[in-house]
Amino acid sequence: MRIIPIIAAAALVSACADTREDTVPAMDSTAPALSAIPTLPKVGPAEIDSGPPVKLDTTAAALRLVMNPHPGDQISALQPPFLQTRNGRRLEFRGSAVTKDSLYFVGDVVLPLPADVVTLDGTLTTSYCRAGEKVCRTASRVVSIAR
Protein backbone atom coordinates (compact mmCIF):
# COMPACT_ATOMS: atom_id res chain seq x y z
CA MET A 1 0.00 0.00 0.00
CA ARG A 2 2.91 2.35 0.69
CA ILE A 3 4.34 1.72 -2.73
CA ILE A 4 1.35 3.17 -4.62
CA PRO A 5 1.70 6.75 -3.19
CA ILE A 6 5.45 6.69 -3.86
CA ILE A 7 4.93 5.59 -7.47
CA ALA A 8 2.19 8.25 -7.91
CA ALA A 9 4.50 10.98 -6.55
CA ALA A 10 7.35 9.86 -8.87
CA ALA A 11 5.01 9.91 -11.85
CA LEU A 12 3.79 13.39 -10.91
CA VAL A 13 7.33 14.77 -10.58
CA SER A 14 8.41 13.32 -13.92
CA ALA A 15 5.31 14.70 -15.62
CA CYS A 16 6.07 18.22 -14.33
CA ALA A 17 9.68 18.15 -15.49
CA ASP A 18 10.17 20.11 -18.70
CA THR A 19 12.83 18.73 -20.97
CA ARG A 20 12.59 21.33 -23.75
CA GLU A 21 14.83 24.39 -23.86
CA ASP A 22 13.41 27.70 -22.70
CA THR A 23 14.01 30.16 -25.48
CA VAL A 24 12.67 33.63 -26.05
CA PRO A 25 11.76 34.44 -29.62
CA ALA A 26 13.61 37.41 -31.10
CA MET A 27 11.56 40.61 -31.33
CA ASP A 28 10.91 42.12 -34.71
CA SER A 29 12.42 45.62 -34.67
CA THR A 30 9.87 46.84 -37.22
CA ALA A 31 6.87 45.85 -35.07
CA PRO A 32 5.27 48.70 -33.08
CA ALA A 33 5.98 48.66 -29.35
CA LEU A 34 2.93 48.14 -27.16
CA SER A 35 2.46 50.13 -23.97
CA ALA A 36 -0.07 50.21 -21.18
CA ILE A 37 0.42 53.99 -20.89
CA PRO A 38 -2.08 55.84 -23.07
CA THR A 39 -0.83 58.44 -25.49
CA LEU A 40 -1.91 61.95 -24.56
CA PRO A 41 -3.46 64.09 -27.25
CA LYS A 42 -1.30 66.87 -28.67
CA VAL A 43 -3.19 70.13 -28.44
CA GLY A 44 -1.05 72.91 -29.82
CA PRO A 45 2.30 74.20 -28.61
CA ALA A 46 3.38 73.98 -24.99
CA GLU A 47 2.93 77.17 -23.01
CA ILE A 48 5.62 78.41 -20.66
CA ASP A 49 4.03 79.37 -17.37
CA SER A 50 5.99 81.03 -14.60
CA GLY A 51 3.01 81.78 -12.38
CA PRO A 52 1.22 84.93 -11.29
CA PRO A 53 3.07 88.25 -11.63
CA VAL A 54 5.06 89.45 -8.63
CA LYS A 55 6.04 93.04 -7.95
CA LEU A 56 8.59 94.49 -5.58
CA ASP A 57 6.94 96.95 -3.20
CA THR A 58 9.42 99.31 -1.58
CA THR A 59 8.80 101.85 1.13
CA ALA A 60 11.21 103.66 3.42
CA ALA A 61 10.46 101.21 6.22
CA ALA A 62 9.95 97.89 4.42
CA LEU A 63 10.67 95.84 1.36
CA ARG A 64 8.19 93.17 0.28
CA LEU A 65 7.16 91.03 -2.66
CA VAL A 66 3.48 91.22 -3.58
CA MET A 67 1.88 88.51 -5.72
CA ASN A 68 -0.64 90.00 -8.11
CA PRO A 69 -2.68 87.22 -9.81
CA HIS A 70 -4.64 87.83 -12.99
CA PRO A 71 -8.41 88.40 -12.52
CA GLY A 72 -10.09 85.12 -11.62
CA ASP A 73 -6.86 83.28 -10.77
CA GLN A 74 -6.58 81.87 -7.25
CA ILE A 75 -3.41 81.30 -5.23
CA SER A 76 -3.42 78.15 -3.10
CA ALA A 77 -3.44 78.68 0.66
CA LEU A 78 -2.82 74.96 1.25
CA GLN A 79 0.53 75.22 -0.55
CA PRO A 80 1.48 78.86 -0.05
CA PRO A 81 4.01 80.40 -2.45
CA PHE A 82 7.58 80.36 -1.18
CA LEU A 83 10.99 81.63 -2.16
CA GLN A 84 13.82 79.11 -1.72
CA THR A 85 17.05 81.09 -1.56
CA ARG A 86 20.38 79.83 -2.83
CA ASN A 87 21.72 79.58 0.70
CA GLY A 88 18.82 77.29 1.72
CA ARG A 89 16.43 79.73 3.43
CA ARG A 90 12.74 79.20 2.73
CA LEU A 91 10.70 82.40 2.84
CA GLU A 92 6.93 81.85 2.72
CA PHE A 93 4.31 84.24 1.40
CA ARG A 94 1.35 85.11 3.65
CA GLY A 95 -2.15 86.22 2.75
CA SER A 96 -4.38 88.69 4.54
CA ALA A 97 -7.40 86.34 4.32
CA VAL A 98 -8.54 83.01 2.87
CA THR A 99 -11.75 81.77 1.22
CA LYS A 100 -14.48 80.11 3.34
CA ASP A 101 -13.13 76.65 2.53
CA SER A 102 -9.55 77.82 3.37
CA LEU A 103 -8.26 76.69 -0.01
CA TYR A 104 -7.24 80.01 -1.58
CA PHE A 105 -5.91 83.38 -0.53
CA VAL A 106 -8.11 86.45 -0.83
CA GLY A 107 -6.51 89.87 -1.13
CA ASP A 108 -2.80 90.57 -1.06
CA VAL A 109 -0.36 87.68 -0.85
CA VAL A 110 2.92 89.15 0.38
CA LEU A 111 6.40 88.17 1.42
CA PRO A 112 7.97 90.70 3.79
CA LEU A 113 11.70 90.64 3.16
CA PRO A 114 14.17 90.89 6.02
CA ALA A 115 15.63 94.36 6.55
CA ASP A 116 19.19 93.09 6.16
CA VAL A 117 18.57 91.84 2.61
CA VAL A 118 20.60 93.64 -0.02
CA THR A 119 20.25 91.01 -2.74
CA LEU A 120 18.18 87.86 -2.77
CA ASP A 121 18.51 85.10 -5.37
CA GLY A 122 16.44 81.94 -5.44
CA THR A 123 13.51 80.01 -6.85
CA LEU A 124 9.94 81.21 -6.42
CA THR A 125 7.39 78.37 -6.37
CA THR A 126 3.66 79.08 -6.62
CA SER A 127 0.65 76.75 -6.64
CA TYR A 128 -2.35 78.42 -8.25
CA CYS A 129 -5.48 77.85 -10.32
CA ARG A 130 -6.25 79.82 -13.45
CA ALA A 131 -9.69 81.28 -13.99
CA GLY A 132 -12.07 78.75 -15.52
CA GLU A 133 -9.77 75.75 -15.02
CA LYS A 134 -10.56 72.93 -12.61
CA VAL A 135 -6.95 71.82 -12.25
CA CYS A 136 -4.38 73.76 -10.27
CA ARG A 137 -0.76 74.00 -11.33
CA THR A 138 2.60 74.63 -9.74
CA ALA A 139 4.97 77.09 -11.37
CA SER A 140 8.60 77.77 -10.49
CA ARG A 141 10.89 80.53 -11.66
CA VAL A 142 14.27 81.95 -10.79
CA VAL A 143 14.19 85.40 -9.23
CA SER A 144 16.83 87.94 -8.33
CA ILE A 145 15.94 90.83 -6.03
CA ALA A 146 18.20 93.80 -5.39
CA ARG A 147 17.48 96.65 -3.05
C-alpha atoms as a PDB file:
ATOM      1  CA  MET A   1       0.000   0.000   0.000  1.00  0.00           C
ATOM      2  CA  ARG A   2       2.911   2.346   0.695  1.00  0.00           C
ATOM      3  CA  ILE A   3       4.344   1.725  -2.729  1.00  0.00           C
ATOM      4  CA  ILE A   4       1.354   3.170  -4.622  1.00  0.00           C
ATOM      5  CA  PRO A   5       1.696   6.751  -3.189  1.00  0.00           C
ATOM      6  CA  ILE A   6       5.453   6.693  -3.862  1.00  0.00           C
ATOM      7  CA  ILE A   7       4.927   5.593  -7.466  1.00  0.00           C
ATOM      8  CA  ALA A   8       2.193   8.247  -7.912  1.00  0.00           C
ATOM      9  CA  ALA A   9       4.505  10.975  -6.550  1.00  0.00           C
ATOM     10  CA  ALA A  10       7.355   9.857  -8.865  1.00  0.00           C
ATOM     11  CA  ALA A  11       5.012   9.914 -11.855  1.00  0.00           C
ATOM     12  CA  LEU A  12       3.789  13.394 -10.908  1.00  0.00           C
ATOM     13  CA  VAL A  13       7.328  14.773 -10.583  1.00  0.00           C
ATOM     14  CA  SER A  14       8.414  13.317 -13.920  1.00  0.00           C
ATOM     15  CA  ALA A  15       5.311  14.697 -15.624  1.00  0.00           C
ATOM     16  CA  CYS A  16       6.066  18.218 -14.334  1.00  0.00           C
ATOM     17  CA  ALA A  17       9.675  18.154 -15.486  1.00  0.00           C
ATOM     18  CA  ASP A  18      10.171  20.106 -18.700  1.00  0.00           C
ATOM     19  CA  THR A  19      12.828  18.728 -20.971  1.00  0.00           C
ATOM     20  CA  ARG A  20      12.594  21.327 -23.750  1.00  0.00           C
ATOM     21  CA  GLU A  21      14.827  24.394 -23.859  1.00  0.00           C
ATOM     22  CA  ASP A  22      13.411  27.697 -22.695  1.00  0.00           C
ATOM     23  CA  THR A  23      14.010  30.164 -25.484  1.00  0.00           C
ATOM     24  CA  VAL A  24      12.665  33.633 -26.046  1.00  0.00           C
ATOM     25  CA  PRO A  25      11.760  34.443 -29.623  1.00  0.00           C
ATOM     26  CA  ALA A  26      13.608  37.408 -31.098  1.00  0.00           C
ATOM     27  CA  MET A  27      11.556  40.609 -31.330  1.00  0.00           C
ATOM     28  CA  ASP A  28      10.914  42.118 -34.714  1.00  0.00           C
ATOM     29  CA  SER A  29      12.417  45.621 -34.673  1.00  0.00           C
ATOM     30  CA  THR A  30       9.866  46.842 -37.215  1.00  0.00           C
ATOM     31  CA  ALA A  31       6.868  45.855 -35.071  1.00  0.00           C
ATOM     32  CA  PRO A  32       5.271  48.695 -33.082  1.00  0.00           C
ATOM     33  CA  ALA A  33       5.976  48.657 -29.349  1.00  0.00           C
ATOM     34  CA  LEU A  34       2.931  48.135 -27.160  1.00  0.00           C
ATOM     35  CA  SER A  35       2.465  50.126 -23.974  1.00  0.00           C
ATOM     36  CA  ALA A  36      -0.075  50.211 -21.184  1.00  0.00           C
ATOM     37  CA  ILE A  37       0.415  53.986 -20.894  1.00  0.00           C
ATOM     38  CA  PRO A  38      -2.083  55.836 -23.069  1.00  0.00           C
ATOM     39  CA  THR A  39      -0.825  58.443 -25.493  1.00  0.00           C
ATOM     40  CA  LEU A  40      -1.913  61.949 -24.564  1.00  0.00           C
ATOM     41  CA  PRO A  41      -3.460  64.090 -27.254  1.00  0.00           C
ATOM     42  CA  LYS A  42      -1.297  66.867 -28.671  1.00  0.00           C
ATOM     43  CA  VAL A  43      -3.186  70.126 -28.445  1.00  0.00           C
ATOM     44  CA  GLY A  44      -1.054  72.914 -29.817  1.00  0.00           C
ATOM     45  CA  PRO A  45       2.298  74.200 -28.615  1.00  0.00           C
ATOM     46  CA  ALA A  46       3.376  73.979 -24.988  1.00  0.00           C
ATOM     47  CA  GLU A  47       2.927  77.166 -23.010  1.00  0.00           C
ATOM     48  CA  ILE A  48       5.624  78.406 -20.661  1.00  0.00           C
ATOM     49  CA  ASP A  49       4.031  79.369 -17.371  1.00  0.00           C
ATOM     50  CA  SER A  50       5.990  81.030 -14.597  1.00  0.00           C
ATOM     51  CA  GLY A  51       3.011  81.781 -12.381  1.00  0.00           C
ATOM     52  CA  PRO A  52       1.225  84.932 -11.294  1.00  0.00           C
ATOM     53  CA  PRO A  53       3.068  88.249 -11.633  1.00  0.00           C
ATOM     54  CA  VAL A  54       5.057  89.453  -8.628  1.00  0.00           C
ATOM     55  CA  LYS A  55       6.035  93.039  -7.945  1.00  0.00           C
ATOM     56  CA  LEU A  56       8.594  94.486  -5.577  1.00  0.00           C
ATOM     57  CA  ASP A  57       6.940  96.952  -3.204  1.00  0.00           C
ATOM     58  CA  THR A  58       9.422  99.307  -1.576  1.00  0.00           C
ATOM     59  CA  THR A  59       8.803 101.849   1.132  1.00  0.00           C
ATOM     60  CA  ALA A  60      11.212 103.660   3.417  1.00  0.00           C
ATOM     61  CA  ALA A  61      10.459 101.210   6.216  1.00  0.00           C
ATOM     62  CA  ALA A  62       9.952  97.888   4.416  1.00  0.00           C
ATOM     63  CA  LEU A  63      10.669  95.837   1.357  1.00  0.00           C
ATOM     64  CA  ARG A  64       8.193  93.172   0.284  1.00  0.00           C
ATOM     65  CA  LEU A  65       7.164  91.032  -2.656  1.00  0.00           C
ATOM     66  CA  VAL A  66       3.481  91.223  -3.585  1.00  0.00           C
ATOM     67  CA  MET A  67       1.882  88.508  -5.717  1.00  0.00           C
ATOM     68  CA  ASN A  68      -0.644  90.002  -8.106  1.00  0.00           C
ATOM     69  CA  PRO A  69      -2.681  87.220  -9.813  1.00  0.00           C
ATOM     70  CA  HIS A  70      -4.643  87.827 -12.993  1.00  0.00           C
ATOM     71  CA  PRO A  71      -8.408  88.404 -12.523  1.00  0.00           C
ATOM     72  CA  GLY A  72     -10.093  85.120 -11.620  1.00  0.00           C
ATOM     73  CA  ASP A  73      -6.859  83.276 -10.775  1.00  0.00           C
ATOM     74  CA  GLN A  74      -6.579  81.871  -7.252  1.00  0.00           C
ATOM     75  CA  ILE A  75      -3.412  81.295  -5.229  1.00  0.00           C
ATOM     76  CA  SER A  76      -3.423  78.149  -3.096  1.00  0.00           C
ATOM     77  CA  ALA A  77      -3.438  78.678   0.660  1.00  0.00           C
ATOM     78  CA  LEU A  78      -2.818  74.956   1.249  1.00  0.00           C
ATOM     79  CA  GLN A  79       0.528  75.215  -0.548  1.00  0.00           C
ATOM     80  CA  PRO A  80       1.478  78.864  -0.052  1.00  0.00           C
ATOM     81  CA  PRO A  81       4.006  80.396  -2.445  1.00  0.00           C
ATOM     82  CA  PHE A  82       7.579  80.359  -1.179  1.00  0.00           C
ATOM     83  CA  LEU A  83      10.989  81.628  -2.161  1.00  0.00           C
ATOM     84  CA  GLN A  84      13.817  79.112  -1.725  1.00  0.00           C
ATOM     85  CA  THR A  85      17.054  81.094  -1.558  1.00  0.00           C
ATOM     86  CA  ARG A  86      20.383  79.829  -2.834  1.00  0.00           C
ATOM     87  CA  ASN A  87      21.715  79.576   0.704  1.00  0.00           C
ATOM     88  CA  GLY A  88      18.818  77.294   1.716  1.00  0.00           C
ATOM     89  CA  ARG A  89      16.432  79.726   3.432  1.00  0.00           C
ATOM     90  CA  ARG A  90      12.743  79.197   2.731  1.00  0.00           C
ATOM     91  CA  LEU A  91      10.703  82.399   2.842  1.00  0.00           C
ATOM     92  CA  GLU A  92       6.934  81.849   2.719  1.00  0.00           C
ATOM     93  CA  PHE A  93       4.309  84.245   1.399  1.00  0.00           C
ATOM     94  CA  ARG A  94       1.351  85.110   3.645  1.00  0.00           C
ATOM     95  CA  GLY A  95      -2.147  86.216   2.755  1.00  0.00           C
ATOM     96  CA  SER A  96      -4.381  88.691   4.541  1.00  0.00           C
ATOM     97  CA  ALA A  97      -7.400  86.341   4.319  1.00  0.00           C
ATOM     98  CA  VAL A  98      -8.544  83.007   2.866  1.00  0.00           C
ATOM     99  CA  THR A  99     -11.747  81.766   1.222  1.00  0.00           C
ATOM    100  CA  LYS A 100     -14.481  80.111   3.339  1.00  0.00           C
ATOM    101  CA  ASP A 101     -13.126  76.654   2.532  1.00  0.00           C
ATOM    102  CA  SER A 102      -9.550  77.820   3.375  1.00  0.00           C
ATOM    103  CA  LEU A 103      -8.256  76.691  -0.012  1.00  0.00           C
ATOM    104  CA  TYR A 104      -7.243  80.011  -1.577  1.00  0.00           C
ATOM    105  CA  PHE A 105      -5.907  83.378  -0.526  1.00  0.00           C
ATOM    106  CA  VAL A 106      -8.108  86.455  -0.832  1.00  0.00           C
ATOM    107  CA  GLY A 107      -6.506  89.871  -1.128  1.00  0.00           C
ATOM    108  CA  ASP A 108      -2.799  90.572  -1.060  1.00  0.00           C
ATOM    109  CA  VAL A 109      -0.363  87.677  -0.852  1.00  0.00           C
ATOM    110  CA  VAL A 110       2.920  89.150   0.384  1.00  0.00           C
ATOM    111  CA  LEU A 111       6.400  88.173   1.424  1.00  0.00           C
ATOM    112  CA  PRO A 112       7.974  90.703   3.787  1.00  0.00           C
ATOM    113  CA  LEU A 113      11.703  90.644   3.160  1.00  0.00           C
ATOM    114  CA  PRO A 114      14.168  90.886   6.022  1.00  0.00           C
ATOM    115  CA  ALA A 115      15.626  94.356   6.553  1.00  0.00           C
ATOM    116  CA  ASP A 116      19.192  93.087   6.162  1.00  0.00           C
ATOM    117  CA  VAL A 117      18.574  91.838   2.614  1.00  0.00           C
ATOM    118  CA  VAL A 118      20.603  93.636  -0.022  1.00  0.00           C
ATOM    119  CA  THR A 119      20.252  91.010  -2.743  1.00  0.00           C
ATOM    120  CA  LEU A 120      18.185  87.858  -2.769  1.00  0.00           C
ATOM    121  CA  ASP A 121      18.510  85.104  -5.368  1.00  0.00           C
ATOM    122  CA  GLY A 122      16.443  81.941  -5.437  1.00  0.00           C
ATOM    123  CA  THR A 123      13.513  80.010  -6.849  1.00  0.00           C
ATOM    124  CA  LEU A 124       9.937  81.215  -6.424  1.00  0.00           C
ATOM    125  CA  THR A 125       7.394  78.371  -6.366  1.00  0.00           C
ATOM    126  CA  THR A 126       3.662  79.079  -6.624  1.00  0.00           C
ATOM    127  CA  SER A 127       0.648  76.751  -6.641  1.00  0.00           C
ATOM    128  CA  TYR A 128      -2.347  78.420  -8.246  1.00  0.00           C
ATOM    129  CA  CYS A 129      -5.479  77.851 -10.319  1.00  0.00           C
ATOM    130  CA  ARG A 130      -6.246  79.817 -13.451  1.00  0.00           C
ATOM    131  CA  ALA A 131      -9.690  81.283 -13.990  1.00  0.00           C
ATOM    132  CA  GLY A 132     -12.068  78.745 -15.518  1.00  0.00           C
ATOM    133  CA  GLU A 133      -9.766  75.752 -15.016  1.00  0.00           C
ATOM    134  CA  LYS A 134     -10.557  72.929 -12.613  1.00  0.00           C
ATOM    135  CA  VAL A 135      -6.945  71.820 -12.251  1.00  0.00           C
ATOM    136  CA  CYS A 136      -4.382  73.764 -10.268  1.00  0.00           C
ATOM    137  CA  ARG A 137      -0.758  74.000 -11.333  1.00  0.00           C
ATOM    138  CA  THR A 138       2.600  74.633  -9.737  1.00  0.00           C
ATOM    139  CA  ALA A 139       4.970  77.089 -11.373  1.00  0.00           C
ATOM    140  CA  SER A 140       8.604  77.772 -10.490  1.00  0.00           C
ATOM    141  CA  ARG A 141      10.893  80.529 -11.663  1.00  0.00           C
ATOM    142  CA  VAL A 142      14.272  81.946 -10.791  1.00  0.00           C
ATOM    143  CA  VAL A 143      14.186  85.404  -9.226  1.00  0.00           C
ATOM    144  CA  SER A 144      16.833  87.942  -8.332  1.00  0.00           C
ATOM    145  CA  ILE A 145      15.945  90.830  -6.035  1.00  0.00           C
ATOM    146  CA  ALA A 146      18.196  93.801  -5.395  1.00  0.00           C
ATOM    147  CA  ARG A 147      17.477  96.654  -3.048  1.00  0.00           C
END
